[in-house]
Amino acid sequence: MTGFASSAGSAHGYSWTAELRSVNGKGLDLRLRVPDWIDGLEPAVRGTISGYVQRGNVTLNLRLTREEQGAAVAVNPAQLDAVLNALTVIETAAQDRNVPLAPMRATDIANMRGVLDTPIAEEDTGPLKAVLTQACNEMGQALQDMRLSEGAALKDILERQLAEMVGHVEDAAAIAAQRAEAMAASLKANLAKVMDSADGADPDRVAQELALITVKADITEELDRLQAHIASARDLIAAKGPVGRKLDFLMQEFNREANTLCSKSQHAELTKSGLALKVLIDQMREQVQNVE
């Protein structure tokens, strides 16, 4: 089932944008693109998203950018003392040799290595991880809401298709009843012809063969199973929770019964009804791929 959600924000010196998408899939394929330097973020996000989606190909792209901040600087007293002492020694030696020196400014001294420090603090990613996980939780909820809306429309489509299938099954049953009378008359006529033209034929053996033909052409069981599958499909559609795989299996069973019905039909109208069933089942199977 398709869905989309996005998020953007900033916290703890970082800004982010994120997109969460889902498309149809037989199982759950969750692909995450998140910063790997935030300890524990990926498993936390994976657990959060999988709580909202149980089926489909789901992709999360989360991009994080550090916001520009003025770097804190501090004077290193020990290094400053060492630099000033060195400068004093240099200035004294220069004076002793009558070497002129240009006056120094504070900025000249500050630019000397080690005089100014830019402290590098250990960054605790825990608060940032919590904020991003919550953002993914909100996206998961938005994605689920979108999928639920689509699911409600899909439920109506499947219910209409099942109602149409009931009509095809009833038509097939009515045609089969009409066909039974015609088949009985045809079998009797064929039996009389065989008995008239076959010298020494065993009447019981011939009757058994004709009875076997009749049994093989009977579609009562197929119609009964189709009705049972329709009832099961309606129960699944009305149920809560993931039912996509069960419905997918039912579509295979529907198709199996429709194929058998066509192979047994021996009647143009019944074959036509069976083919209409097959077309409808294929349409339903496409819709079922969207069901979680």
Foldseek 3Di string as FASTA:
>chain_A
DWFKFKDWDDDDQKTKIKIKIWDFFPFEAEAEDDDPVQPPLVVLLVVLLCVLDTGTYMYMYMDMDGHDDDFDKDFDVVVLVVVVVVVVVVVVVCVVVVNDDDDDDPVVSVPPPPGMDRDDDDDNSVVVSVVVSVRSNVRSVRRNVVLVVVLVVLLVVVVVLLVVLVVLLVVLVVVVVVVVVVLVVVLVVVLVVCVVPDPPDDSVVSVVVSVVLVVLLDLPVLSVVLVVLSVVVVVLSPDDDACLVVVLVSLVVQLVSLVSQLVSPVDDVSVVSSVVSNVSSVVVNVSSSSTD
